[in-house]
Protein backbone atom coordinates (compact mmCIF):
# COMPACT_ATOMS: atom_id res chain seq x y z
CA UNK A 1 -67.82 -263.40 3.30
CA UNK A 2 -65.80 -265.93 5.02
CA UNK A 3 -62.74 -267.16 2.87
CA UNK A 4 -62.52 -270.95 1.78
CA UNK A 5 -66.44 -271.29 1.53
CA UNK A 6 -68.07 -271.87 -1.90
CA UNK A 7 -69.05 -268.18 -3.13
CA UNK A 8 -72.76 -267.58 -3.12
CA UNK A 9 -74.58 -267.48 -6.45
CA UNK A 10 -75.13 -263.74 -6.42
CA UNK A 11 -73.80 -260.71 -8.07
CA UNK A 12 -72.45 -257.25 -6.33
CA UNK A 13 -74.19 -254.08 -6.93
CA UNK A 14 -71.44 -251.60 -6.10
CA UNK A 15 -72.16 -247.99 -5.34
CA UNK A 16 -69.13 -245.39 -4.97
CA UNK A 17 -69.33 -242.75 -2.28
CA UNK A 18 -66.84 -240.12 -1.15
CA UNK A 19 -65.87 -240.47 2.83
CA UNK A 20 -63.47 -237.74 4.04
CA UNK A 21 -62.37 -236.96 0.50
CA UNK A 22 -61.58 -240.82 -0.27
CA UNK A 23 -63.39 -243.41 -2.37
CA UNK A 24 -65.27 -245.86 -0.62
CA UNK A 25 -67.14 -248.82 -2.21
CA UNK A 26 -70.43 -249.89 -0.75
CA UNK A 27 -71.38 -253.16 -1.51
CA UNK A 28 -75.29 -254.81 -1.57
CA UNK A 29 -75.92 -258.04 -2.60
CA UNK A 30 -78.47 -258.87 -5.15
CA UNK A 31 -79.70 -262.29 -6.12
CA UNK A 32 -77.97 -263.63 -9.44
CA UNK A 33 -80.45 -264.82 -12.02
CA UNK A 34 -78.67 -267.12 -14.77
CA UNK A 35 -80.13 -266.18 -18.21
CA UNK A 36 -81.60 -268.80 -20.44
CA UNK A 37 -80.97 -269.01 -24.00
CA UNK A 38 -84.36 -269.16 -25.68
CA UNK A 39 -85.43 -272.23 -27.65
CA UNK A 40 -85.16 -271.50 -31.06
CA UNK A 41 -87.83 -272.77 -33.01
CA UNK A 42 -86.57 -274.97 -36.06
CA UNK A 43 -86.65 -273.16 -39.44
CA UNK A 44 -86.50 -273.98 -43.06
CA UNK A 45 -84.30 -271.53 -45.30
CA UNK A 46 -85.79 -268.37 -46.54
CA UNK A 47 -88.28 -268.96 -49.79
CA UNK A 48 -88.41 -272.70 -48.94
CA UNK A 49 -91.70 -274.63 -48.45
CA UNK A 50 -92.01 -278.23 -47.61
CA UNK A 51 -95.24 -280.49 -47.80
CA UNK A 52 -94.91 -284.05 -46.19
CA UNK A 53 -97.21 -286.98 -46.38
CA UNK A 54 -96.53 -290.29 -44.52
CA UNK A 55 -98.35 -293.67 -44.40
CA UNK A 56 -100.60 -293.68 -47.61
CA UNK A 57 -101.07 -297.10 -47.44
CA UNK A 58 -102.53 -297.69 -50.75
CA UNK A 59 -105.26 -295.01 -50.30
CA UNK A 60 -105.08 -293.58 -53.54
CA UNK A 61 -108.47 -292.00 -53.15
CA UNK A 62 -107.18 -289.89 -50.32
CA UNK A 63 -103.73 -289.08 -51.74
CA UNK A 64 -105.58 -287.42 -54.98
CA UNK A 65 -107.43 -284.66 -52.90
CA UNK A 66 -104.26 -284.04 -50.91
CA UNK A 67 -102.29 -283.39 -54.04
CA UNK A 68 -104.91 -280.85 -55.12
CA UNK A 69 -104.49 -279.34 -51.93
CA UNK A 70 -101.02 -278.79 -52.34
CA UNK A 71 -101.68 -277.36 -56.00
CA UNK A 72 -104.40 -275.07 -54.91
CA UNK A 73 -102.11 -273.72 -52.06
CA UNK A 74 -99.25 -273.09 -54.60
CA UNK A 75 -101.54 -271.66 -56.96
CA UNK A 76 -102.46 -268.76 -54.12
CA UNK A 77 -99.04 -268.14 -52.96
CA UNK A 78 -95.84 -269.84 -54.40
CA UNK A 79 -92.45 -269.48 -52.70
CA UNK A 80 -89.05 -269.75 -54.57
CA UNK A 81 -88.61 -273.37 -53.86
CA UNK A 82 -91.08 -276.00 -52.90
CA UNK A 83 -90.18 -279.75 -52.00
CA UNK A 84 -92.95 -282.47 -51.60
CA UNK A 85 -91.81 -285.19 -49.21
CA UNK A 86 -93.39 -288.50 -49.04
CA UNK A 87 -92.24 -290.36 -46.14
CA UNK A 88 -92.88 -294.20 -46.73
CA UNK A 89 -95.39 -296.88 -46.43
CA UNK A 90 -97.04 -296.26 -49.95
CA UNK A 91 -98.14 -300.00 -50.16
CA UNK A 92 -100.27 -302.87 -48.28
CA UNK A 93 -103.41 -302.41 -46.13
CA UNK A 94 -105.40 -299.87 -48.45
CA UNK A 95 -107.03 -300.81 -51.36
CA UNK A 96 -104.99 -299.58 -54.20
CA UNK A 97 -101.24 -299.82 -53.80
CA UNK A 98 -100.89 -299.78 -57.80
CA UNK A 99 -102.58 -296.65 -58.28
CA UNK A 100 -101.05 -295.06 -55.45
CA UNK A 101 -97.70 -295.31 -56.85
CA UNK A 102 -98.80 -294.63 -60.28
CA UNK A 103 -100.06 -291.15 -58.73
CA UNK A 104 -96.59 -290.68 -56.80
CA UNK A 105 -94.55 -291.60 -59.72
CA UNK A 106 -96.45 -288.86 -62.12
CA UNK A 107 -96.17 -286.20 -59.46
CA UNK A 108 -92.50 -286.68 -59.44
CA UNK A 109 -92.29 -285.77 -63.24
CA UNK A 110 -93.48 -282.15 -62.48
CA UNK A 111 -92.84 -281.73 -59.08
CA UNK A 112 -89.68 -281.58 -56.93
CA UNK A 113 -90.29 -284.71 -54.87
CA UNK A 114 -88.55 -286.67 -52.45
CA UNK A 115 -89.63 -290.46 -51.71
CA UNK A 116 -88.41 -292.04 -48.34
CA UNK A 117 -88.48 -295.64 -47.70
CA UNK A 118 -90.94 -297.29 -45.09
CA UNK A 119 -91.00 -300.49 -43.40
CA UNK A 120 -93.47 -301.84 -45.63
CA UNK A 121 -91.44 -301.10 -48.67
CA UNK A 122 -88.50 -302.86 -46.80
CA UNK A 123 -90.37 -305.86 -45.78
CA UNK A 124 -91.61 -306.45 -49.47
CA UNK A 125 -87.98 -306.19 -50.75
CA UNK A 126 -87.25 -309.19 -47.98
CA UNK A 127 -90.39 -311.22 -49.15
CA UNK A 128 -89.22 -311.37 -52.93
CA UNK A 129 -85.76 -312.61 -51.64
CA UNK A 130 -87.28 -315.14 -49.31
CA UNK A 131 -90.71 -316.35 -50.24
CA UNK A 132 -90.89 -318.14 -46.75
CA UNK A 133 -92.04 -314.53 -45.21
CA UNK A 134 -94.92 -314.45 -47.37
CA UNK A 135 -97.36 -315.35 -44.75
CA UNK A 136 -95.97 -312.75 -42.58
CA UNK A 137 -96.38 -310.09 -45.27
CA UNK A 138 -100.17 -311.01 -45.97
CA UNK A 139 -100.75 -310.54 -42.27
CA UNK A 140 -99.93 -306.95 -42.60
CA UNK A 141 -101.49 -305.99 -45.57
CA UNK A 142 -99.73 -307.73 -48.30
CA UNK A 143 -102.90 -309.33 -49.66
CA UNK A 144 -104.40 -305.82 -50.46
CA UNK A 145 -101.04 -305.25 -52.53
CA UNK A 146 -101.55 -308.38 -54.30
CA UNK A 147 -104.98 -307.85 -55.43
CA UNK A 148 -104.23 -304.27 -56.67
CA UNK A 149 -101.78 -305.83 -59.18
CA UNK A 150 -104.14 -308.40 -60.05
CA UNK A 151 -102.70 -311.38 -58.25
CA UNK A 152 -105.86 -312.77 -56.81
CA UNK A 153 -104.61 -316.13 -55.73
CA UNK A 154 -103.79 -314.89 -52.32
CA UNK A 155 -107.45 -314.77 -51.45
CA UNK A 156 -108.02 -318.67 -52.25
CA UNK A 157 -105.07 -319.35 -49.76
CA UNK A 158 -102.73 -320.58 -52.50
CA UNK A 159 -99.75 -318.98 -51.00
CA UNK A 160 -99.72 -321.38 -48.32
CA UNK A 161 -99.12 -324.27 -51.05
CA UNK A 162 -96.76 -322.38 -53.21
CA UNK A 163 -95.37 -318.81 -52.27
CA UNK A 164 -92.82 -319.09 -54.91
CA UNK A 165 -95.14 -319.17 -57.84
CA UNK A 166 -97.18 -316.59 -56.05
CA UNK A 167 -94.31 -313.92 -55.88
CA UNK A 168 -93.47 -314.58 -59.41
CA UNK A 169 -96.75 -313.81 -60.40
CA UNK A 170 -96.45 -310.60 -58.55
CA UNK A 171 -92.95 -309.91 -59.92
CA UNK A 172 -94.41 -310.11 -63.33
CA UNK A 173 -97.47 -307.87 -62.64
CA UNK A 174 -95.50 -304.95 -61.14
CA UNK A 175 -94.53 -302.36 -63.75
CA UNK A 176 -90.75 -301.53 -64.41
CA UNK A 177 -91.82 -298.10 -63.25
CA UNK A 178 -92.94 -299.21 -59.72
CA UNK A 179 -89.77 -301.48 -59.35
CA UNK A 180 -87.45 -298.55 -60.04
CA UNK A 181 -89.60 -296.15 -57.72
CA UNK A 182 -89.26 -298.96 -54.86
CA UNK A 183 -85.51 -299.20 -55.44
CA UNK A 184 -84.73 -295.81 -55.29
CA UNK A 185 -86.27 -294.75 -52.08
CA UNK A 186 -84.16 -292.94 -49.47
CA UNK A 187 -83.92 -293.51 -45.67
CA UNK A 188 -84.18 -290.07 -44.55
CA UNK A 189 -83.89 -286.34 -45.87
CA UNK A 190 -82.89 -283.38 -44.41
CA UNK A 191 -83.88 -279.59 -45.19
CA UNK A 192 -83.01 -276.55 -42.83
CA UNK A 193 -83.58 -277.60 -39.27
CA UNK A 194 -85.71 -280.44 -40.32
CA UNK A 195 -85.12 -284.12 -40.48
CA UNK A 196 -87.89 -286.19 -42.23
CA UNK A 197 -87.63 -289.99 -41.72
CA UNK A 198 -90.51 -292.65 -41.68
CA UNK A 199 -90.26 -294.14 -38.24
CA UNK A 200 -87.85 -292.05 -36.06
CA UNK A 201 -84.50 -292.17 -34.76
CA UNK A 202 -82.58 -293.64 -31.82
CA UNK A 203 -81.94 -291.23 -29.05
CA UNK A 204 -78.32 -290.77 -28.02
CA UNK A 205 -77.03 -291.74 -31.64
CA UNK A 206 -75.74 -288.83 -34.07
CA UNK A 207 -78.27 -288.36 -37.07
CA UNK A 208 -75.46 -289.18 -39.49
CA UNK A 209 -74.95 -292.58 -37.77
CA UNK A 210 -78.38 -293.83 -37.58
CA UNK A 211 -79.00 -297.40 -38.82
CA UNK A 212 -81.63 -297.84 -41.48
CA UNK A 213 -83.51 -300.50 -39.27
CA UNK A 214 -84.13 -297.66 -36.68
CA UNK A 215 -85.22 -295.31 -38.98
CA UNK A 216 -87.87 -297.66 -40.67
CA UNK A 217 -89.12 -299.45 -37.53
CA UNK A 218 -88.19 -297.80 -34.16
CA UNK A 219 -91.14 -297.01 -31.97
CA UNK A 220 -90.96 -296.89 -27.93
CA UNK A 221 -87.30 -295.77 -27.43
CA UNK A 222 -87.97 -292.99 -29.67
CA UNK A 223 -91.65 -291.92 -28.95
CA UNK A 224 -90.87 -291.72 -25.23
CA UNK A 225 -87.52 -289.72 -25.41
CA UNK A 226 -87.44 -285.97 -24.69
CA UNK A 227 -83.89 -285.53 -26.21
CA UNK A 228 -83.59 -282.44 -28.21
CA UNK A 229 -82.05 -284.06 -31.38
CA UNK A 230 -79.86 -281.91 -33.66
CA UNK A 231 -82.72 -281.67 -35.98
CA UNK A 232 -86.55 -281.34 -35.27
CA UNK A 233 -87.74 -284.91 -36.69
CA UNK A 234 -90.94 -285.19 -38.76
CA UNK A 235 -92.13 -288.71 -39.03
CA UNK A 236 -94.84 -291.17 -39.39
CA UNK A 237 -95.17 -294.90 -38.85
CA UNK A 238 -97.08 -295.07 -35.46
CA UNK A 239 -100.70 -293.96 -35.99
CA UNK A 240 -102.05 -291.12 -33.98
CA UNK A 241 -105.45 -289.61 -33.91
CA UNK A 242 -104.41 -286.48 -35.09
CA UNK A 243 -101.03 -284.63 -36.01
CA UNK A 244 -98.78 -284.71 -32.96
CA UNK A 245 -96.58 -281.97 -32.29
CA UNK A 246 -93.93 -282.30 -29.82
CA UNK A 247 -90.82 -280.21 -28.78
CA UNK A 248 -88.33 -282.39 -30.34
CA UNK A 249 -90.43 -284.30 -33.15
CA UNK A 250 -93.88 -284.29 -35.32
CA UNK A 251 -95.89 -287.29 -36.05
CA UNK A 252 -98.04 -287.00 -39.06
CA UNK A 253 -99.39 -290.83 -39.45
CA UNK A 254 -102.99 -290.67 -38.85
CA UNK A 255 -103.89 -294.23 -39.79
CA UNK A 256 -105.27 -293.24 -43.34
CA UNK A 257 -106.17 -296.69 -44.18
CA UNK A 258 -108.45 -297.29 -41.01
CA UNK A 259 -109.60 -293.74 -40.49
CA UNK A 260 -109.96 -292.30 -43.55
CA UNK A 261 -107.81 -289.35 -42.71
CA UNK A 262 -104.47 -288.71 -44.47
CA UNK A 263 -102.77 -285.72 -43.15
CA UNK A 264 -100.76 -283.12 -44.97
CA UNK A 265 -98.10 -281.15 -43.15
CA UNK A 266 -96.93 -277.72 -44.70
CA UNK A 267 -93.73 -276.18 -43.28
CA UNK A 268 -92.22 -272.83 -44.10
CA UNK A 269 -89.96 -270.85 -41.98
CA UNK A 270 -90.65 -271.74 -38.46
CA UNK A 271 -94.32 -272.32 -39.10
CA UNK A 272 -95.99 -276.16 -39.11
CA UNK A 273 -99.43 -276.48 -40.16
CA UNK A 274 -101.32 -279.93 -40.45
CA UNK A 275 -104.28 -280.30 -42.29
């Protein structure tokens, strides 16, 4: 090979022979293939199973059978540790926000549950502090939430005349247990190689430095990214026809309030199953 040139990406196959009693090295060149490290599948710790549900949106009638599916699965084969992760947007749009929260609170009393915050819960908190946002909330499903708590004045249009009174009625109607539930929602949850969040994460930003605004609201920048994040992201927020599993993320929001399809994901080891 000529000195000074960049060496070829090859490996030398050396054969030693004897020539006139002396050792001689004969070289033949073979192509060098750079070995790629296999991409490891994300895994949960041994003995841990996670059940995840997102974007219930007041559909208590769909939540109840999914909770029974979890119970039946655990009765058949129970691991050492079980975590049930609910990934936000419990309220609005569907017919029964109140019963949905009742079911989740009751579930938390007998199961290891994690409740994440969705953008709808975050927006309701803003509305209660700023009544001028009431009209916006009603347009994204707040009217159904009001109705579920027996605050029916929204139907007659009274909210445009006196939003403060309307929201005061709602504040009186919401049980203390529901207030505490909404107040204690978490922005995200990590278990093993999985990162659970309502909407997604901002590409290029470490998971530990994500802003809550992005965790609850992000769409296109996250959905269009092929970045291999430091954890596998499990999320909802953007409805899809059926559970969507990508190399870097899984979306389990199947638009329950509009489609009647609430998806449950089960994860154990490296196995993901959506039903």
